[in-house]
Structures are given as C-alpha cells and as structure tokens.
Amino acid sequence: MEPMREEILAGYSRDRRDLSALLQGATPADLDRRSKGRRWTNEELLFHMVFGYMVVRALLPLVHVASRLPRPVGRAFAAVLNAGTGPFDVVNYWGSRAAARVYDRRRMSRKLDKTITALSRRLERESSHEEQRLAAVLREAPLYASICV
C-alpha cells in the first residue's frame, strides 16, 4: 500500500479511537457544556467532526467529476465553491446543531465507524492515478481541502 493511503487509513483509525475515548470519558454534563470558543456544546462539536466525514463521503462523486475537468474549468468550479463559503458556513452550523440531536453521544461513534468503513473501502479501490487527480482538485479548492483534511 502506498504511503498516502497508509497515512489516510491511520488517520481514520486514530479518529475512531479518539472519538470513542472522548465519548467514553465524558459525563453527560461535560457533553452538554458549551465548548470553548464555539457556539456549540461539546456534544455538538464532536458530532460536527463526524459530520465532516459524512460530507466527504457525500461529496466524493463531485470531487471525482471535478478531477476530470480541464484545468481552467476546474479552477472556475473551485472558485464557485469558494464563493459559496458564507452560505455553507450557516448551513454547516445549524445543520450540525440539529443533526447532533439524531446522532447523539450514543449513536455518533457507530455513524463514524460506518462512514469510515465506506471511505476506507473506496480508498482501497482507488488507483494511484485517481488518487493524484483527487489530490490536485483538493489543492485547487480550499473549501474541499478544509473539509477533507
């Protein structure tokens, strides 16, 4: 397996372990408390991290299409995505708050496990060439990069 894939898969495993440890070590009061520097509770913030994986999984088909576009078209597409950052931030905030009620402390680990399992399977099927194209798209669109990193 190539180093980039190994690093990604190791990151997936680390994130699974970290979320599990945080949820197991936190009391209900800890999770209900407002997080430092954010408007979310700690539970909502943890879900937001899980949500990032869910967004990546949902956007992968779009990233694959964008990776096949001619470079100038891809740059224009990235610019359109970056222009949508403001509305995306609003939807991201309120969507995470609402969804954390469904994927709460009892369900978010399972959701992360299922999402990472699907992402891992997809990564295993990717060719090196495809992986390089996707990396190029992520470099072009900071919004994608912030979601995917």
N, C-alpha and C. Protein backbone atom coordinates (compact mmCIF):
# COMPACT_ATOMS: atom_id res chain seq x y z
N MET A 1 0.85 -1.19 0.00
CA MET A 1 0.00 0.00 0.00
C MET A 1 0.89 1.25 0.00
N GLU A 2 0.44 2.27 -0.69
CA GLU A 2 1.21 3.49 -0.83
C GLU A 2 1.18 4.33 0.44
N PRO A 3 2.24 5.13 0.69
CA PRO A 3 2.31 5.93 1.93
C PRO A 3 1.11 6.84 2.14
N MET A 4 0.62 7.50 1.08
CA MET A 4 -0.51 8.42 1.26
C MET A 4 -1.74 7.67 1.78
N ARG A 5 -2.01 6.52 1.21
CA ARG A 5 -3.15 5.71 1.66
C ARG A 5 -2.96 5.24 3.09
N GLU A 6 -1.75 4.78 3.38
CA GLU A 6 -1.47 4.32 4.73
C GLU A 6 -1.69 5.43 5.75
N GLU A 7 -1.25 6.62 5.41
CA GLU A 7 -1.43 7.77 6.31
C GLU A 7 -2.91 8.10 6.50
N ILE A 8 -3.67 8.06 5.41
CA ILE A 8 -5.10 8.35 5.50
C ILE A 8 -5.79 7.30 6.36
N LEU A 9 -5.52 6.04 6.11
CA LEU A 9 -6.15 4.97 6.88
C LEU A 9 -5.74 5.03 8.35
N ALA A 10 -4.50 5.38 8.61
CA ALA A 10 -4.05 5.54 10.00
C ALA A 10 -4.80 6.69 10.67
N GLY A 11 -5.01 7.77 9.93
CA GLY A 11 -5.78 8.90 10.45
C GLY A 11 -7.21 8.50 10.76
N TYR A 12 -7.81 7.69 9.88
CA TYR A 12 -9.17 7.20 10.14
C TYR A 12 -9.21 6.42 11.46
N SER A 13 -8.26 5.51 11.63
CA SER A 13 -8.22 4.69 12.85
C SER A 13 -8.02 5.56 14.09
N ARG A 14 -7.14 6.53 13.98
CA ARG A 14 -6.88 7.43 15.10
C ARG A 14 -8.15 8.22 15.47
N ASP A 15 -8.85 8.71 14.46
CA ASP A 15 -10.06 9.48 14.72
C ASP A 15 -11.15 8.62 15.37
N ARG A 16 -11.26 7.39 14.93
CA ARG A 16 -12.23 6.46 15.57
C ARG A 16 -11.90 6.28 17.05
N ARG A 17 -10.64 5.99 17.32
CA ARG A 17 -10.22 5.77 18.71
C ARG A 17 -10.42 7.02 19.56
N ASP A 18 -10.04 8.18 19.01
CA ASP A 18 -10.17 9.43 19.76
C ASP A 18 -11.62 9.75 20.09
N LEU A 19 -12.50 9.59 19.11
CA LEU A 19 -13.91 9.87 19.38
C LEU A 19 -14.46 8.92 20.44
N SER A 20 -14.14 7.66 20.30
CA SER A 20 -14.61 6.67 21.27
C SER A 20 -14.11 7.01 22.67
N ALA A 21 -12.84 7.35 22.79
CA ALA A 21 -12.26 7.69 24.10
C ALA A 21 -12.91 8.95 24.67
N LEU A 22 -13.12 9.96 23.84
CA LEU A 22 -13.76 11.19 24.32
C LEU A 22 -15.17 10.93 24.81
N LEU A 23 -15.93 10.15 24.06
CA LEU A 23 -17.31 9.87 24.45
C LEU A 23 -17.37 9.01 25.71
N GLN A 24 -16.47 8.04 25.82
CA GLN A 24 -16.47 7.17 26.99
C GLN A 24 -16.00 7.92 28.24
N GLY A 25 -15.10 8.87 28.07
CA GLY A 25 -14.56 9.59 29.21
C GLY A 25 -15.36 10.79 29.65
N ALA A 26 -16.35 11.19 28.86
CA ALA A 26 -17.13 12.40 29.16
C ALA A 26 -18.41 12.05 29.92
N THR A 27 -18.73 12.90 30.85
CA THR A 27 -20.01 12.77 31.55
C THR A 27 -21.08 13.47 30.72
N PRO A 28 -22.35 13.19 30.99
CA PRO A 28 -23.41 13.94 30.30
C PRO A 28 -23.26 15.45 30.49
N ALA A 29 -22.85 15.87 31.67
CA ALA A 29 -22.65 17.31 31.92
C ALA A 29 -21.52 17.87 31.06
N ASP A 30 -20.44 17.08 30.88
CA ASP A 30 -19.33 17.51 30.02
C ASP A 30 -19.80 17.73 28.59
N LEU A 31 -20.61 16.81 28.10
CA LEU A 31 -21.06 16.88 26.72
C LEU A 31 -22.10 17.99 26.51
N ASP A 32 -22.86 18.31 27.55
CA ASP A 32 -23.87 19.37 27.45
C ASP A 32 -23.28 20.77 27.62
N ARG A 33 -22.05 20.84 28.11
CA ARG A 33 -21.40 22.13 28.35
C ARG A 33 -21.00 22.79 27.03
N ARG A 34 -21.06 24.11 27.01
CA ARG A 34 -20.62 24.87 25.82
C ARG A 34 -19.13 24.63 25.59
N SER A 35 -18.76 24.44 24.34
CA SER A 35 -17.34 24.26 24.03
C SER A 35 -16.64 25.62 24.08
N LYS A 36 -15.36 25.59 24.31
CA LYS A 36 -14.59 26.83 24.38
C LYS A 36 -14.42 27.42 22.99
N GLY A 37 -14.76 28.68 22.85
CA GLY A 37 -14.55 29.38 21.60
C GLY A 37 -15.55 29.07 20.50
N ARG A 38 -16.56 28.29 20.78
CA ARG A 38 -17.57 27.93 19.77
C ARG A 38 -18.95 28.11 20.38
N ARG A 39 -19.96 28.18 19.49
CA ARG A 39 -21.33 28.31 19.97
C ARG A 39 -21.97 26.95 20.22
N TRP A 40 -21.27 25.87 19.89
CA TRP A 40 -21.81 24.54 20.07
C TRP A 40 -21.56 24.03 21.48
N THR A 41 -22.35 23.01 21.87
CA THR A 41 -22.00 22.25 23.06
C THR A 41 -20.86 21.30 22.66
N ASN A 42 -20.24 20.68 23.65
CA ASN A 42 -19.17 19.73 23.34
C ASN A 42 -19.71 18.56 22.50
N GLU A 43 -20.93 18.11 22.81
CA GLU A 43 -21.51 17.02 22.03
C GLU A 43 -21.75 17.44 20.58
N GLU A 44 -22.26 18.65 20.38
CA GLU A 44 -22.48 19.15 19.02
C GLU A 44 -21.16 19.29 18.27
N LEU A 45 -20.13 19.73 18.97
CA LEU A 45 -18.82 19.87 18.33
C LEU A 45 -18.26 18.51 17.93
N LEU A 46 -18.41 17.52 18.79
CA LEU A 46 -17.94 16.17 18.44
C LEU A 46 -18.71 15.65 17.23
N PHE A 47 -20.03 15.88 17.22
CA PHE A 47 -20.79 15.44 16.05
C PHE A 47 -20.32 16.17 14.80
N HIS A 48 -20.01 17.44 14.92
CA HIS A 48 -19.56 18.21 13.77
C HIS A 48 -18.33 17.57 13.13
N MET A 49 -17.47 17.00 13.95
CA MET A 49 -16.30 16.29 13.42
C MET A 49 -16.73 15.04 12.65
N VAL A 50 -17.72 14.32 13.19
CA VAL A 50 -18.27 13.15 12.48
C VAL A 50 -18.92 13.61 11.18
N PHE A 51 -19.63 14.74 11.25
CA PHE A 51 -20.32 15.28 10.09
C PHE A 51 -19.33 15.59 8.96
N GLY A 52 -18.13 16.03 9.31
CA GLY A 52 -17.11 16.28 8.30
C GLY A 52 -16.84 15.03 7.47
N TYR A 53 -16.75 13.89 8.12
CA TYR A 53 -16.56 12.63 7.39
C TYR A 53 -17.77 12.33 6.51
N MET A 54 -18.97 12.60 7.02
CA MET A 54 -20.18 12.36 6.25
C MET A 54 -20.21 13.24 5.00
N VAL A 55 -19.78 14.47 5.13
CA VAL A 55 -19.75 15.40 4.00
C VAL A 55 -18.74 14.92 2.95
N VAL A 56 -17.58 14.51 3.41
CA VAL A 56 -16.56 14.00 2.48
C VAL A 56 -17.13 12.81 1.69
N ARG A 57 -17.77 11.90 2.38
CA ARG A 57 -18.33 10.73 1.69
C ARG A 57 -19.37 11.16 0.66
N ALA A 58 -20.21 12.11 1.02
CA ALA A 58 -21.25 12.57 0.09
C ALA A 58 -20.66 13.33 -1.11
N LEU A 59 -19.57 14.06 -0.88
CA LEU A 59 -19.00 14.90 -1.95
C LEU A 59 -17.99 14.17 -2.84
N LEU A 60 -17.60 12.97 -2.48
CA LEU A 60 -16.59 12.28 -3.29
C LEU A 60 -16.99 12.14 -4.77
N PRO A 61 -18.24 11.82 -5.09
CA PRO A 61 -18.58 11.76 -6.52
C PRO A 61 -18.36 13.11 -7.22
N LEU A 62 -18.69 14.20 -6.54
CA LEU A 62 -18.47 15.53 -7.11
C LEU A 62 -16.97 15.80 -7.30
N VAL A 63 -16.17 15.39 -6.35
CA VAL A 63 -14.72 15.58 -6.45
C VAL A 63 -14.18 14.76 -7.62
N HIS A 64 -14.70 13.57 -7.82
CA HIS A 64 -14.26 12.75 -8.95
C HIS A 64 -14.57 13.43 -10.28
N VAL A 65 -15.76 14.00 -10.38
CA VAL A 65 -16.13 14.71 -11.61
C VAL A 65 -15.21 15.92 -11.79
N ALA A 66 -15.02 16.69 -10.74
CA ALA A 66 -14.17 17.89 -10.81
C ALA A 66 -12.74 17.53 -11.17
N SER A 67 -12.28 16.37 -10.73
CA SER A 67 -10.90 15.98 -11.02
C SER A 67 -10.68 15.65 -12.49
N ARG A 68 -11.76 15.42 -13.22
CA ARG A 68 -11.66 15.10 -14.65
C ARG A 68 -11.85 16.31 -15.55
N LEU A 69 -12.21 17.44 -14.98
CA LEU A 69 -12.42 18.65 -15.78
C LEU A 69 -11.09 19.22 -16.26
N PRO A 70 -11.11 19.88 -17.42
CA PRO A 70 -9.89 20.58 -17.84
C PRO A 70 -9.50 21.60 -16.76
N ARG A 71 -8.22 21.82 -16.60
CA ARG A 71 -7.70 22.67 -15.53
C ARG A 71 -8.41 24.04 -15.40
N PRO A 72 -8.60 24.79 -16.48
CA PRO A 72 -9.27 26.09 -16.34
C PRO A 72 -10.72 25.95 -15.85
N VAL A 73 -11.41 24.92 -16.32
CA VAL A 73 -12.79 24.69 -15.87
C VAL A 73 -12.78 24.28 -14.40
N GLY A 74 -11.83 23.45 -14.03
CA GLY A 74 -11.71 23.03 -12.62
C GLY A 74 -11.43 24.21 -11.70
N ARG A 75 -10.59 25.14 -12.15
CA ARG A 75 -10.31 26.34 -11.34
C ARG A 75 -11.55 27.19 -11.18
N ALA A 76 -12.31 27.34 -12.28
CA ALA A 76 -13.56 28.12 -12.20
C ALA A 76 -14.55 27.43 -11.26
N PHE A 77 -14.62 26.12 -11.34
CA PHE A 77 -15.50 25.36 -10.45
C PHE A 77 -15.09 25.55 -8.99
N ALA A 78 -13.79 25.50 -8.73
CA ALA A 78 -13.28 25.72 -7.37
C ALA A 78 -13.62 27.12 -6.88
N ALA A 79 -13.53 28.11 -7.77
CA ALA A 79 -13.87 29.49 -7.39
C ALA A 79 -15.34 29.62 -7.02
N VAL A 80 -16.21 28.92 -7.77
CA VAL A 80 -17.64 28.94 -7.43
C VAL A 80 -17.86 28.31 -6.05
N LEU A 81 -17.20 27.19 -5.80
CA LEU A 81 -17.33 26.55 -4.48
C LEU A 81 -16.84 27.48 -3.37
N ASN A 82 -15.72 28.11 -3.59
CA ASN A 82 -15.17 29.00 -2.57
C ASN A 82 -16.07 30.21 -2.34
N ALA A 83 -16.74 30.67 -3.39
CA ALA A 83 -17.67 31.79 -3.24
C ALA A 83 -18.86 31.41 -2.37
N GLY A 84 -19.18 30.13 -2.31
CA GLY A 84 -20.31 29.66 -1.50
C GLY A 84 -19.96 29.40 -0.05
N THR A 85 -18.79 29.80 0.38
CA THR A 85 -18.35 29.53 1.75
C THR A 85 -19.28 30.13 2.80
N GLY A 86 -19.73 31.37 2.60
CA GLY A 86 -20.60 32.03 3.57
C GLY A 86 -21.89 31.26 3.81
N PRO A 87 -22.68 31.00 2.76
CA PRO A 87 -23.90 30.21 2.97
C PRO A 87 -23.60 28.81 3.52
N PHE A 88 -22.50 28.21 3.05
CA PHE A 88 -22.12 26.89 3.55
C PHE A 88 -21.89 26.93 5.06
N ASP A 89 -21.23 27.97 5.55
CA ASP A 89 -20.96 28.08 6.98
C ASP A 89 -22.25 28.13 7.80
N VAL A 90 -23.24 28.86 7.32
CA VAL A 90 -24.52 28.96 8.03
C VAL A 90 -25.22 27.60 8.08
N VAL A 91 -25.31 26.95 6.92
CA VAL A 91 -25.95 25.63 6.86
C VAL A 91 -25.17 24.63 7.69
N ASN A 92 -23.86 24.71 7.62
CA ASN A 92 -22.98 23.82 8.38
C ASN A 92 -23.24 23.95 9.88
N TYR A 93 -23.34 25.19 10.36
CA TYR A 93 -23.55 25.43 11.78
C TYR A 93 -24.90 24.87 12.24
N TRP A 94 -25.97 25.32 11.59
CA TRP A 94 -27.31 24.93 12.02
C TRP A 94 -27.59 23.46 11.74
N GLY A 95 -27.08 22.96 10.63
CA GLY A 95 -27.24 21.55 10.33
C GLY A 95 -26.57 20.65 11.35
N SER A 96 -25.39 21.04 11.78
CA SER A 96 -24.68 20.26 12.79
C SER A 96 -25.41 20.29 14.13
N ARG A 97 -25.93 21.44 14.47
CA ARG A 97 -26.68 21.54 15.74
C ARG A 97 -27.90 20.63 15.72
N ALA A 98 -28.64 20.66 14.63
CA ALA A 98 -29.85 19.84 14.53
C ALA A 98 -29.51 18.35 14.45
N ALA A 99 -28.54 18.00 13.62
CA ALA A 99 -28.21 16.59 13.42
C ALA A 99 -27.60 15.95 14.67
N ALA A 100 -26.97 16.75 15.52
CA ALA A 100 -26.40 16.21 16.76
C ALA A 100 -27.49 15.67 17.69
N ARG A 101 -28.73 16.06 17.45
CA ARG A 101 -29.84 15.53 18.24
C ARG A 101 -30.19 14.11 17.78
N VAL A 102 -29.92 13.82 16.51
CA VAL A 102 -30.18 12.48 15.98
C VAL A 102 -28.97 11.58 16.24
N TYR A 103 -27.79 12.07 15.84
CA TYR A 103 -26.55 11.32 16.06
C TYR A 103 -25.91 11.83 17.35
N ASP A 104 -26.54 11.49 18.44
CA ASP A 104 -26.10 11.97 19.75
C ASP A 104 -24.95 11.10 20.27
N ARG A 105 -24.62 11.30 21.53
CA ARG A 105 -23.48 10.60 22.14
C ARG A 105 -23.58 9.09 22.05
N ARG A 106 -24.80 8.56 21.94
CA ARG A 106 -24.98 7.11 21.87
C ARG A 106 -24.87 6.58 20.44
N ARG A 107 -25.01 7.45 19.44
CA ARG A 107 -25.05 6.98 18.06
C ARG A 107 -23.90 7.48 17.18
N MET A 108 -23.22 8.53 17.60
CA MET A 108 -22.24 9.12 16.67
C MET A 108 -21.02 8.23 16.43
N SER A 109 -20.60 7.45 17.39
CA SER A 109 -19.45 6.54 17.16
C SER A 109 -19.79 5.52 16.09
N ARG A 110 -20.99 4.97 16.19
CA ARG A 110 -21.43 4.00 15.18
C ARG A 110 -21.49 4.63 13.80
N LYS A 111 -22.00 5.87 13.73
CA LYS A 111 -22.07 6.56 12.44
C LYS A 111 -20.68 6.81 11.87
N LEU A 112 -19.74 7.22 12.73
CA LEU A 112 -18.37 7.43 12.27
C LEU A 112 -17.77 6.12 11.78
N ASP A 113 -17.99 5.03 12.52
CA ASP A 113 -17.46 3.73 12.09
C ASP A 113 -17.98 3.34 10.71
N LYS A 114 -19.28 3.48 10.49
CA LYS A 114 -19.87 3.11 9.20
C LYS A 114 -19.35 4.00 8.08
N THR A 115 -19.22 5.29 8.36
CA THR A 115 -18.76 6.24 7.34
C THR A 115 -17.30 5.98 6.99
N ILE A 116 -16.47 5.76 8.00
CA ILE A 116 -15.05 5.49 7.76
C ILE A 116 -14.87 4.15 7.05
N THR A 117 -15.66 3.17 7.39
CA THR A 117 -15.58 1.88 6.70
C THR A 117 -15.86 2.06 5.21
N ALA A 118 -16.89 2.84 4.88
CA ALA A 118 -17.22 3.10 3.47
C ALA A 118 -16.10 3.88 2.78
N LEU A 119 -15.56 4.90 3.46
CA LEU A 119 -14.46 5.68 2.87
C LEU A 119 -13.22 4.82 2.67
N SER A 120 -12.94 3.95 3.62
CA SER A 120 -11.77 3.08 3.52
C SER A 120 -11.90 2.12 2.34
N ARG A 121 -13.10 1.55 2.17
CA ARG A 121 -13.32 0.65 1.04
C ARG A 121 -13.11 1.39 -0.28
N ARG A 122 -13.62 2.59 -0.34
CA ARG A 122 -13.48 3.39 -1.57
C ARG A 122 -12.00 3.70 -1.83
N LEU A 123 -11.28 4.06 -0.77
CA LEU A 123 -9.86 4.37 -0.92
C LEU A 123 -9.09 3.15 -1.42
N GLU A 124 -9.44 1.99 -0.93
CA GLU A 124 -8.76 0.76 -1.35
C GLU A 124 -8.96 0.49 -2.83
N ARG A 125 -10.10 0.94 -3.39
CA ARG A 125 -10.39 0.72 -4.81
C ARG A 125 -9.76 1.75 -5.72
N GLU A 126 -9.30 2.87 -5.16
CA GLU A 126 -8.73 3.94 -5.98
C GLU A 126 -7.39 3.54 -6.56
N SER A 127 -7.14 3.95 -7.78
CA SER A 127 -5.83 3.73 -8.39
C SER A 127 -4.91 4.88 -7.97
N SER A 128 -3.62 4.72 -8.13
CA SER A 128 -2.66 5.78 -7.81
C SER A 128 -2.93 7.01 -8.65
N HIS A 129 -3.25 6.80 -9.91
CA HIS A 129 -3.53 7.92 -10.82
C HIS A 129 -4.76 8.70 -10.33
N GLU A 130 -5.79 8.00 -9.97
CA GLU A 130 -7.01 8.63 -9.47
C GLU A 130 -6.72 9.41 -8.18
N GLU A 131 -5.93 8.83 -7.34
CA GLU A 131 -5.56 9.47 -6.08
C GLU A 131 -4.81 10.78 -6.34
N GLN A 132 -3.92 10.79 -7.30
CA GLN A 132 -3.18 12.01 -7.64
C GLN A 132 -4.10 13.08 -8.21
N ARG A 133 -5.06 12.68 -9.04
CA ARG A 133 -6.03 13.65 -9.59
C ARG A 133 -6.86 14.27 -8.48
N LEU A 134 -7.31 13.44 -7.54
CA LEU A 134 -8.11 13.96 -6.42
C LEU A 134 -7.28 14.93 -5.58
N ALA A 135 -6.04 14.60 -5.35
CA ALA A 135 -5.18 15.50 -4.58
C ALA A 135 -5.03 16.84 -5.28
N ALA A 136 -4.94 16.83 -6.60
CA ALA A 136 -4.83 18.08 -7.36
C ALA A 136 -6.08 18.92 -7.22
N VAL A 137 -7.26 18.29 -7.24
CA VAL A 137 -8.51 19.03 -7.06
C VAL A 137 -8.56 19.65 -5.68
N LEU A 138 -8.14 18.92 -4.68
CA LEU A 138 -8.16 19.44 -3.31
C LEU A 138 -7.24 20.63 -3.16
N ARG A 139 -6.13 20.64 -3.89
CA ARG A 139 -5.22 21.79 -3.83
C ARG A 139 -5.87 23.02 -4.46
N GLU A 140 -6.71 22.82 -5.47
CA GLU A 140 -7.35 23.92 -6.19
C GLU A 140 -8.48 24.56 -5.37
N ALA A 141 -9.15 23.80 -4.55
CA ALA A 141 -10.35 24.28 -3.84
C ALA A 141 -10.11 24.24 -2.34
N PRO A 142 -9.77 25.37 -1.73
CA PRO A 142 -9.54 25.39 -0.28
C PRO A 142 -10.74 24.89 0.53
N LEU A 143 -11.96 25.11 0.05
CA LEU A 143 -13.12 24.62 0.77
C LEU A 143 -13.07 23.10 0.87
N TYR A 144 -12.79 22.42 -0.26
CA TYR A 144 -12.64 20.98 -0.22
C TYR A 144 -11.53 20.59 0.74
N ALA A 145 -10.41 21.27 0.63
CA ALA A 145 -9.26 20.90 1.45
C ALA A 145 -9.60 21.05 2.92
N SER A 146 -10.34 22.08 3.29
CA SER A 146 -10.68 22.25 4.71
C SER A 146 -11.64 21.18 5.18
N ILE A 147 -12.47 20.68 4.29
CA ILE A 147 -13.39 19.60 4.65
C ILE A 147 -12.66 18.28 4.75
N CYS A 148 -11.75 18.06 3.83
CA CYS A 148 -11.14 16.75 3.69
C CYS A 148 -9.92 16.53 4.57
N VAL A 149 -9.38 17.56 5.13
CA VAL A 149 -8.15 17.39 5.93
C VAL A 149 -8.50 17.20 7.38
